[in-house]
Amino acid sequence: MICIGEKLPLLIIVKGTPGGDIERFEIPTYPAGPVYAVQEKAYMDQRFWSMYLREVLKPAIDCPTVVLADNLKSHVSKRSYKIMKKELHPLPANTTSVLQPLDVGVMGPFKQMCLSEWIKETKVVTAQEKRMAMICERSRFGMQ
């Protein structure tokens, strides 16, 4: 979210092989809005963080802006600083749990439980249907 109250698109990283069937055939059928990426372990890495900075965040800001990011290695890399061309101040190491108390410890498990319950209620059979169900639900509730 940016300071004027606009929500930025979600970045949804799907587990799969880059350039494989999921990326070529499934992602084009996903709902519009979020930015989709495919990675073997569905991890946020430097490639996806750089893509998000360039393609989503940078075009959304047109004045001096403070970007808050946690201390994930890709968030505080020299490459990230260069992309932003301004100062990127990460949260100090080990402060996420204090500054964002509902971040990983509460919201992560809560989101996963909600998602699991929703998928149980939604009739999905194939792996593709399950991924689509998760994409739709995360987009609907703004989960990352």
N, C-alpha and C. Protein backbone atom coordinates (compact mmCIF):
# COMPACT_ATOMS: atom_id res chain seq x y z
N MET A 1 0.85 -1.16 0.00
CA MET A 1 0.00 0.00 0.00
C MET A 1 0.90 1.22 0.00
N ILE A 2 0.50 2.23 -0.73
CA ILE A 2 1.27 3.47 -0.71
C ILE A 2 0.51 4.50 0.11
N CYS A 3 1.19 5.57 0.48
CA CYS A 3 0.66 6.49 1.48
C CYS A 3 -0.67 7.14 1.11
N ILE A 4 -1.01 7.21 -0.14
CA ILE A 4 -2.28 7.83 -0.51
C ILE A 4 -3.43 6.82 -0.46
N GLY A 5 -3.15 5.65 0.07
CA GLY A 5 -4.19 4.66 0.28
C GLY A 5 -4.42 3.70 -0.87
N GLU A 6 -3.63 3.80 -1.91
CA GLU A 6 -3.79 2.87 -3.03
C GLU A 6 -3.08 1.56 -2.71
N LYS A 7 -3.74 0.48 -3.07
CA LYS A 7 -3.12 -0.83 -2.90
C LYS A 7 -2.33 -1.17 -4.15
N LEU A 8 -1.13 -1.64 -3.96
CA LEU A 8 -0.32 -2.10 -5.08
C LEU A 8 -0.68 -3.55 -5.38
N PRO A 9 -0.49 -3.98 -6.61
CA PRO A 9 -0.81 -5.38 -6.94
C PRO A 9 0.03 -6.35 -6.11
N LEU A 10 -0.58 -7.47 -5.78
CA LEU A 10 0.14 -8.54 -5.09
C LEU A 10 1.13 -9.19 -6.05
N LEU A 11 2.22 -9.67 -5.50
CA LEU A 11 3.13 -10.52 -6.25
C LEU A 11 2.89 -11.93 -5.75
N ILE A 12 2.39 -12.80 -6.60
CA ILE A 12 2.11 -14.18 -6.24
C ILE A 12 3.14 -15.06 -6.93
N ILE A 13 3.94 -15.74 -6.12
CA ILE A 13 4.97 -16.62 -6.65
C ILE A 13 4.45 -18.05 -6.56
N VAL A 14 4.34 -18.68 -7.72
CA VAL A 14 3.79 -20.03 -7.83
C VAL A 14 4.95 -21.02 -7.93
N LYS A 15 4.83 -22.12 -7.21
CA LYS A 15 5.86 -23.15 -7.26
C LYS A 15 5.77 -23.89 -8.59
N GLY A 16 6.88 -23.96 -9.30
CA GLY A 16 6.91 -24.64 -10.58
C GLY A 16 8.25 -24.43 -11.26
N THR A 17 8.34 -24.89 -12.48
CA THR A 17 9.56 -24.74 -13.26
C THR A 17 9.44 -23.50 -14.14
N PRO A 18 10.37 -22.52 -13.99
CA PRO A 18 10.31 -21.36 -14.86
C PRO A 18 10.32 -21.77 -16.33
N GLY A 19 9.42 -21.22 -17.11
CA GLY A 19 9.30 -21.56 -18.51
C GLY A 19 8.54 -22.84 -18.76
N GLY A 20 8.10 -23.50 -17.70
CA GLY A 20 7.38 -24.77 -17.83
C GLY A 20 5.90 -24.59 -18.08
N ASP A 21 5.16 -25.68 -17.97
CA ASP A 21 3.73 -25.68 -18.29
C ASP A 21 2.93 -24.70 -17.44
N ILE A 22 3.24 -24.61 -16.15
CA ILE A 22 2.47 -23.70 -15.30
C ILE A 22 2.63 -22.27 -15.80
N GLU A 23 3.85 -21.87 -16.07
CA GLU A 23 4.10 -20.51 -16.52
C GLU A 23 3.50 -20.26 -17.91
N ARG A 24 3.63 -21.21 -18.79
CA ARG A 24 3.18 -21.01 -20.17
C ARG A 24 1.67 -21.15 -20.34
N PHE A 25 1.07 -22.10 -19.63
CA PHE A 25 -0.34 -22.41 -19.90
C PHE A 25 -1.31 -22.01 -18.78
N GLU A 26 -0.88 -22.12 -17.53
CA GLU A 26 -1.79 -21.82 -16.42
C GLU A 26 -1.86 -20.34 -16.10
N ILE A 27 -0.71 -19.72 -15.92
CA ILE A 27 -0.70 -18.33 -15.48
C ILE A 27 -1.51 -17.43 -16.40
N PRO A 28 -1.49 -17.62 -17.72
CA PRO A 28 -2.34 -16.77 -18.56
C PRO A 28 -3.84 -16.90 -18.25
N THR A 29 -4.24 -17.96 -17.56
CA THR A 29 -5.66 -18.13 -17.22
C THR A 29 -5.99 -17.58 -15.84
N TYR A 30 -5.00 -17.13 -15.08
CA TYR A 30 -5.23 -16.62 -13.73
C TYR A 30 -5.92 -15.25 -13.79
N PRO A 31 -6.58 -14.86 -12.72
CA PRO A 31 -7.27 -13.57 -12.69
C PRO A 31 -6.31 -12.41 -12.89
N ALA A 32 -6.78 -11.38 -13.56
CA ALA A 32 -5.99 -10.17 -13.77
C ALA A 32 -5.83 -9.44 -12.44
N GLY A 33 -4.79 -8.66 -12.34
CA GLY A 33 -4.57 -7.86 -11.14
C GLY A 33 -3.24 -8.15 -10.50
N PRO A 34 -3.07 -9.33 -9.90
CA PRO A 34 -1.77 -9.64 -9.29
C PRO A 34 -0.68 -9.81 -10.34
N VAL A 35 0.55 -9.71 -9.89
CA VAL A 35 1.71 -10.00 -10.72
C VAL A 35 2.11 -11.44 -10.37
N TYR A 36 2.25 -12.28 -11.38
CA TYR A 36 2.55 -13.70 -11.16
C TYR A 36 3.98 -14.02 -11.57
N ALA A 37 4.58 -14.94 -10.83
CA ALA A 37 5.92 -15.40 -11.15
C ALA A 37 6.01 -16.88 -10.78
N VAL A 38 6.93 -17.59 -11.42
CA VAL A 38 7.12 -19.01 -11.16
C VAL A 38 8.55 -19.23 -10.70
N GLN A 39 8.70 -19.98 -9.61
CA GLN A 39 10.02 -20.28 -9.07
C GLN A 39 9.96 -21.68 -8.47
N GLU A 40 11.06 -22.40 -8.52
CA GLU A 40 11.09 -23.80 -8.08
C GLU A 40 10.58 -24.02 -6.66
N LYS A 41 10.88 -23.10 -5.75
CA LYS A 41 10.46 -23.28 -4.36
C LYS A 41 9.43 -22.24 -3.92
N ALA A 42 8.98 -21.42 -4.85
CA ALA A 42 8.02 -20.35 -4.56
C ALA A 42 8.57 -19.37 -3.53
N TYR A 43 9.88 -19.09 -3.59
CA TYR A 43 10.52 -18.16 -2.67
C TYR A 43 10.66 -16.79 -3.31
N MET A 44 10.63 -15.76 -2.48
CA MET A 44 10.98 -14.42 -2.93
C MET A 44 12.50 -14.40 -3.04
N ASP A 45 13.00 -14.13 -4.23
CA ASP A 45 14.44 -14.04 -4.41
C ASP A 45 14.76 -12.71 -5.08
N GLN A 46 16.03 -12.47 -5.32
CA GLN A 46 16.45 -11.20 -5.90
C GLN A 46 15.78 -10.93 -7.23
N ARG A 47 15.63 -11.95 -8.05
CA ARG A 47 15.03 -11.76 -9.37
C ARG A 47 13.60 -11.22 -9.25
N PHE A 48 12.81 -11.81 -8.35
CA PHE A 48 11.41 -11.38 -8.23
C PHE A 48 11.28 -10.06 -7.50
N TRP A 49 12.12 -9.83 -6.50
CA TRP A 49 12.07 -8.54 -5.81
C TRP A 49 12.46 -7.43 -6.78
N SER A 50 13.48 -7.65 -7.59
CA SER A 50 13.88 -6.65 -8.58
C SER A 50 12.75 -6.40 -9.58
N MET A 51 12.10 -7.48 -10.02
CA MET A 51 10.98 -7.34 -10.95
C MET A 51 9.86 -6.52 -10.31
N TYR A 52 9.54 -6.80 -9.04
CA TYR A 52 8.48 -6.07 -8.36
C TYR A 52 8.84 -4.60 -8.22
N LEU A 53 10.09 -4.30 -7.87
CA LEU A 53 10.51 -2.91 -7.75
C LEU A 53 10.37 -2.18 -9.08
N ARG A 54 10.84 -2.81 -10.16
CA ARG A 54 10.82 -2.16 -11.48
C ARG A 54 9.42 -2.05 -12.07
N GLU A 55 8.67 -3.14 -12.02
CA GLU A 55 7.41 -3.21 -12.76
C GLU A 55 6.19 -2.78 -11.96
N VAL A 56 6.28 -2.79 -10.65
CA VAL A 56 5.10 -2.46 -9.84
C VAL A 56 5.34 -1.22 -8.99
N LEU A 57 6.34 -1.28 -8.13
CA LEU A 57 6.55 -0.20 -7.18
C LEU A 57 7.02 1.09 -7.84
N LYS A 58 8.07 1.02 -8.64
CA LYS A 58 8.65 2.23 -9.23
C LYS A 58 7.63 3.02 -10.05
N PRO A 59 6.83 2.38 -10.91
CA PRO A 59 5.84 3.15 -11.66
C PRO A 59 4.73 3.75 -10.78
N ALA A 60 4.54 3.20 -9.58
CA ALA A 60 3.46 3.66 -8.71
C ALA A 60 3.84 4.89 -7.90
N ILE A 61 5.12 5.18 -7.80
CA ILE A 61 5.54 6.33 -7.00
C ILE A 61 6.12 7.40 -7.91
N ASP A 62 5.68 8.63 -7.68
CA ASP A 62 6.15 9.71 -8.54
C ASP A 62 6.67 10.90 -7.74
N CYS A 63 6.97 10.68 -6.47
CA CYS A 63 7.52 11.72 -5.63
C CYS A 63 8.43 11.06 -4.60
N PRO A 64 9.20 11.84 -3.85
CA PRO A 64 10.05 11.22 -2.83
C PRO A 64 9.21 10.32 -1.93
N THR A 65 9.68 9.11 -1.75
CA THR A 65 8.90 8.10 -1.05
C THR A 65 9.79 7.27 -0.14
N VAL A 66 9.26 6.91 0.99
CA VAL A 66 9.95 5.99 1.89
C VAL A 66 9.40 4.61 1.62
N VAL A 67 10.27 3.67 1.36
CA VAL A 67 9.86 2.29 1.14
C VAL A 67 10.35 1.49 2.34
N LEU A 68 9.42 0.89 3.05
CA LEU A 68 9.79 0.05 4.19
C LEU A 68 9.82 -1.40 3.74
N ALA A 69 10.91 -2.05 4.02
CA ALA A 69 11.06 -3.46 3.68
C ALA A 69 11.74 -4.16 4.84
N ASP A 70 11.46 -5.44 4.99
CA ASP A 70 12.15 -6.16 6.06
C ASP A 70 13.58 -6.44 5.63
N ASN A 71 14.30 -7.17 6.42
CA ASN A 71 15.73 -7.35 6.20
C ASN A 71 16.06 -8.57 5.35
N LEU A 72 15.10 -9.06 4.56
CA LEU A 72 15.37 -10.17 3.65
C LEU A 72 16.52 -9.77 2.73
N LYS A 73 17.43 -10.68 2.51
CA LYS A 73 18.65 -10.38 1.75
C LYS A 73 18.36 -9.67 0.43
N SER A 74 17.38 -10.16 -0.31
CA SER A 74 17.08 -9.54 -1.61
C SER A 74 16.53 -8.12 -1.45
N HIS A 75 15.88 -7.83 -0.33
CA HIS A 75 15.32 -6.50 -0.12
C HIS A 75 16.39 -5.45 0.13
N VAL A 76 17.51 -5.84 0.68
CA VAL A 76 18.54 -4.87 1.07
C VAL A 76 19.81 -4.98 0.24
N SER A 77 19.73 -5.60 -0.90
CA SER A 77 20.91 -5.79 -1.74
C SER A 77 21.29 -4.50 -2.47
N LYS A 78 22.54 -4.45 -2.93
CA LYS A 78 22.99 -3.31 -3.72
C LYS A 78 22.14 -3.15 -4.97
N ARG A 79 21.74 -4.27 -5.54
CA ARG A 79 20.90 -4.23 -6.74
C ARG A 79 19.57 -3.53 -6.46
N SER A 80 18.99 -3.80 -5.29
CA SER A 80 17.74 -3.15 -4.92
C SER A 80 17.93 -1.64 -4.79
N TYR A 81 19.03 -1.24 -4.14
CA TYR A 81 19.30 0.19 -4.00
C TYR A 81 19.43 0.86 -5.36
N LYS A 82 20.13 0.21 -6.27
CA LYS A 82 20.31 0.79 -7.60
C LYS A 82 18.98 0.92 -8.33
N ILE A 83 18.15 -0.08 -8.21
CA ILE A 83 16.85 -0.04 -8.89
C ILE A 83 16.03 1.13 -8.39
N MET A 84 15.99 1.33 -7.12
CA MET A 84 15.17 2.39 -6.54
C MET A 84 15.75 3.78 -6.78
N LYS A 85 17.07 3.85 -6.92
CA LYS A 85 17.76 5.13 -7.12
C LYS A 85 17.42 6.14 -6.02
N LYS A 86 17.16 5.62 -4.88
CA LYS A 86 16.94 6.45 -3.70
C LYS A 86 17.29 5.60 -2.51
N GLU A 87 17.22 6.15 -1.36
CA GLU A 87 17.58 5.38 -0.17
C GLU A 87 16.46 4.43 0.21
N LEU A 88 16.83 3.19 0.36
CA LEU A 88 15.90 2.16 0.80
C LEU A 88 16.33 1.78 2.21
N HIS A 89 15.53 2.10 3.19
CA HIS A 89 15.88 1.82 4.58
C HIS A 89 15.16 0.58 5.06
N PRO A 90 15.87 -0.53 5.15
CA PRO A 90 15.23 -1.75 5.66
C PRO A 90 15.01 -1.64 7.16
N LEU A 91 14.07 -2.40 7.65
CA LEU A 91 13.90 -2.48 9.09
C LEU A 91 15.18 -3.07 9.67
N PRO A 92 15.58 -2.64 10.86
CA PRO A 92 16.77 -3.25 11.46
C PRO A 92 16.59 -4.76 11.61
N ALA A 93 17.67 -5.49 11.53
CA ALA A 93 17.60 -6.95 11.64
C ALA A 93 16.87 -7.35 12.92
N ASN A 94 16.07 -8.38 12.81
CA ASN A 94 15.34 -8.98 13.94
C ASN A 94 14.30 -8.06 14.58
N THR A 95 13.79 -7.08 13.83
CA THR A 95 12.76 -6.20 14.39
C THR A 95 11.39 -6.42 13.77
N THR A 96 11.30 -7.26 12.78
CA THR A 96 10.01 -7.48 12.13
C THR A 96 8.95 -7.91 13.14
N SER A 97 9.31 -8.81 14.05
CA SER A 97 8.31 -9.30 15.01
C SER A 97 7.84 -8.20 15.96
N VAL A 98 8.66 -7.18 16.18
CA VAL A 98 8.27 -6.08 17.06
C VAL A 98 7.51 -5.02 16.27
N LEU A 99 8.00 -4.69 15.09
CA LEU A 99 7.40 -3.62 14.31
C LEU A 99 6.19 -4.07 13.51
N GLN A 100 6.11 -5.33 13.21
CA GLN A 100 4.97 -5.88 12.48
C GLN A 100 4.49 -7.10 13.26
N PRO A 101 3.86 -6.89 14.42
CA PRO A 101 3.56 -8.01 15.31
C PRO A 101 2.65 -9.08 14.73
N LEU A 102 1.85 -8.75 13.75
CA LEU A 102 0.97 -9.76 13.17
C LEU A 102 1.55 -10.35 11.89
N ASP A 103 2.81 -10.08 11.63
CA ASP A 103 3.43 -10.51 10.39
C ASP A 103 3.51 -12.03 10.29
N VAL A 104 4.59 -12.63 10.62
CA VAL A 104 4.80 -14.05 10.40
C VAL A 104 4.19 -14.91 11.49
N GLY A 105 4.38 -14.51 12.73
CA GLY A 105 3.96 -15.35 13.84
C GLY A 105 2.47 -15.60 13.93
N VAL A 106 1.66 -14.60 13.60
CA VAL A 106 0.21 -14.74 13.71
C VAL A 106 -0.44 -14.83 12.33
N MET A 107 -0.15 -13.86 11.48
CA MET A 107 -0.87 -13.79 10.20
C MET A 107 -0.50 -14.93 9.27
N GLY A 108 0.75 -15.35 9.25
CA GLY A 108 1.14 -16.45 8.36
C GLY A 108 0.34 -17.71 8.64
N PRO A 109 0.36 -18.21 9.88
CA PRO A 109 -0.44 -19.40 10.19
C PRO A 109 -1.94 -19.17 10.01
N PHE A 110 -2.42 -17.98 10.37
CA PHE A 110 -3.84 -17.68 10.21
C PHE A 110 -4.25 -17.72 8.74
N LYS A 111 -3.47 -17.09 7.89
CA LYS A 111 -3.77 -17.10 6.45
C LYS A 111 -3.77 -18.53 5.91
N GLN A 112 -2.80 -19.32 6.35
CA GLN A 112 -2.71 -20.69 5.86
C GLN A 112 -3.91 -21.51 6.29
N MET A 113 -4.36 -21.31 7.54
CA MET A 113 -5.55 -22.04 8.02
C MET A 113 -6.79 -21.63 7.23
N CYS A 114 -6.95 -20.32 7.00
CA CYS A 114 -8.10 -19.85 6.21
C CYS A 114 -8.05 -20.42 4.81
N LEU A 115 -6.89 -20.39 4.21
CA LEU A 115 -6.74 -20.90 2.85
C LEU A 115 -7.03 -22.39 2.80
N SER A 116 -6.53 -23.14 3.77
CA SER A 116 -6.78 -24.58 3.81
C SER A 116 -8.27 -24.88 3.96
N GLU A 117 -8.94 -24.15 4.83
CA GLU A 117 -10.38 -24.36 5.02
C GLU A 117 -11.15 -24.01 3.75
N TRP A 118 -10.75 -22.92 3.10
CA TRP A 118 -11.45 -22.51 1.88
C TRP A 118 -11.27 -23.57 0.80
N ILE A 119 -10.06 -24.10 0.68
CA ILE A 119 -9.80 -25.11 -0.35
C ILE A 119 -10.59 -26.38 -0.04
N LYS A 120 -10.73 -26.73 1.25
CA LYS A 120 -11.52 -27.91 1.61
C LYS A 120 -12.97 -27.75 1.16
N GLU A 121 -13.49 -26.52 1.29
CA GLU A 121 -14.88 -26.26 0.91
C GLU A 121 -15.06 -26.15 -0.59
N THR A 122 -14.00 -25.81 -1.29
CA THR A 122 -14.06 -25.65 -2.73
C THR A 122 -13.67 -26.97 -3.38
N LYS A 123 -14.49 -27.45 -4.27
CA LYS A 123 -14.22 -28.74 -4.91
C LYS A 123 -13.09 -28.57 -5.93
N VAL A 124 -11.91 -29.03 -5.56
CA VAL A 124 -10.77 -29.02 -6.47
C VAL A 124 -10.24 -30.44 -6.57
N VAL A 125 -9.89 -30.82 -7.77
CA VAL A 125 -9.44 -32.19 -7.99
C VAL A 125 -7.99 -32.23 -8.43
N THR A 126 -7.66 -31.45 -9.42
CA THR A 126 -6.31 -31.50 -9.99
C THR A 126 -5.40 -30.48 -9.31
N ALA A 127 -4.10 -30.65 -9.51
CA ALA A 127 -3.13 -29.69 -8.97
C ALA A 127 -3.36 -28.31 -9.58
N GLN A 128 -3.71 -28.27 -10.85
CA GLN A 128 -3.97 -26.99 -11.51
C GLN A 128 -5.17 -26.29 -10.87
N GLU A 129 -6.23 -27.04 -10.57
CA GLU A 129 -7.41 -26.45 -9.93
C GLU A 129 -7.07 -25.95 -8.53
N LYS A 130 -6.22 -26.67 -7.82
CA LYS A 130 -5.83 -26.24 -6.48
C LYS A 130 -5.03 -24.95 -6.55
N ARG A 131 -4.08 -24.86 -7.49
CA ARG A 131 -3.31 -23.62 -7.64
C ARG A 131 -4.22 -22.46 -7.98
N MET A 132 -5.18 -22.69 -8.90
CA MET A 132 -6.10 -21.63 -9.29
C MET A 132 -6.95 -21.21 -8.09
N ALA A 133 -7.41 -22.16 -7.30
CA ALA A 133 -8.20 -21.84 -6.12
C ALA A 133 -7.39 -20.98 -5.15
N MET A 134 -6.13 -21.34 -4.95
CA MET A 134 -5.28 -20.58 -4.05
C MET A 134 -5.03 -19.18 -4.59
N ILE A 135 -4.81 -19.06 -5.89
CA ILE A 135 -4.60 -17.75 -6.51
C ILE A 135 -5.82 -16.88 -6.31
N CYS A 136 -6.99 -17.41 -6.60
CA CYS A 136 -8.23 -16.64 -6.47
C CYS A 136 -8.46 -16.21 -5.03
N GLU A 137 -8.25 -17.09 -4.11
CA GLU A 137 -8.48 -16.77 -2.70
C GLU A 137 -7.48 -15.76 -2.19
N ARG A 138 -6.23 -15.90 -2.55
CA ARG A 138 -5.22 -14.93 -2.10
C ARG A 138 -5.49 -13.57 -2.71
N SER A 139 -5.91 -13.53 -3.96
CA SER A 139 -6.22 -12.26 -4.60
C SER A 139 -7.40 -11.60 -3.91
N ARG A 140 -8.39 -12.41 -3.56
CA ARG A 140 -9.61 -11.90 -2.93
C ARG A 140 -9.33 -11.29 -1.57
N PHE A 141 -8.48 -11.92 -0.78
CA PHE A 141 -8.23 -11.45 0.57
C PHE A 141 -6.92 -10.68 0.72
N GLY A 142 -6.21 -10.45 -0.38
CA GLY A 142 -4.97 -9.69 -0.30
C GLY A 142 -3.85 -10.41 0.41
N MET A 143 -3.88 -11.74 0.36
CA MET A 143 -2.84 -12.52 1.03
C MET A 143 -1.62 -12.62 0.14
N GLN A 144 -0.47 -12.68 0.80
CA GLN A 144 0.76 -12.84 0.04
C GLN A 144 1.47 -14.07 0.46
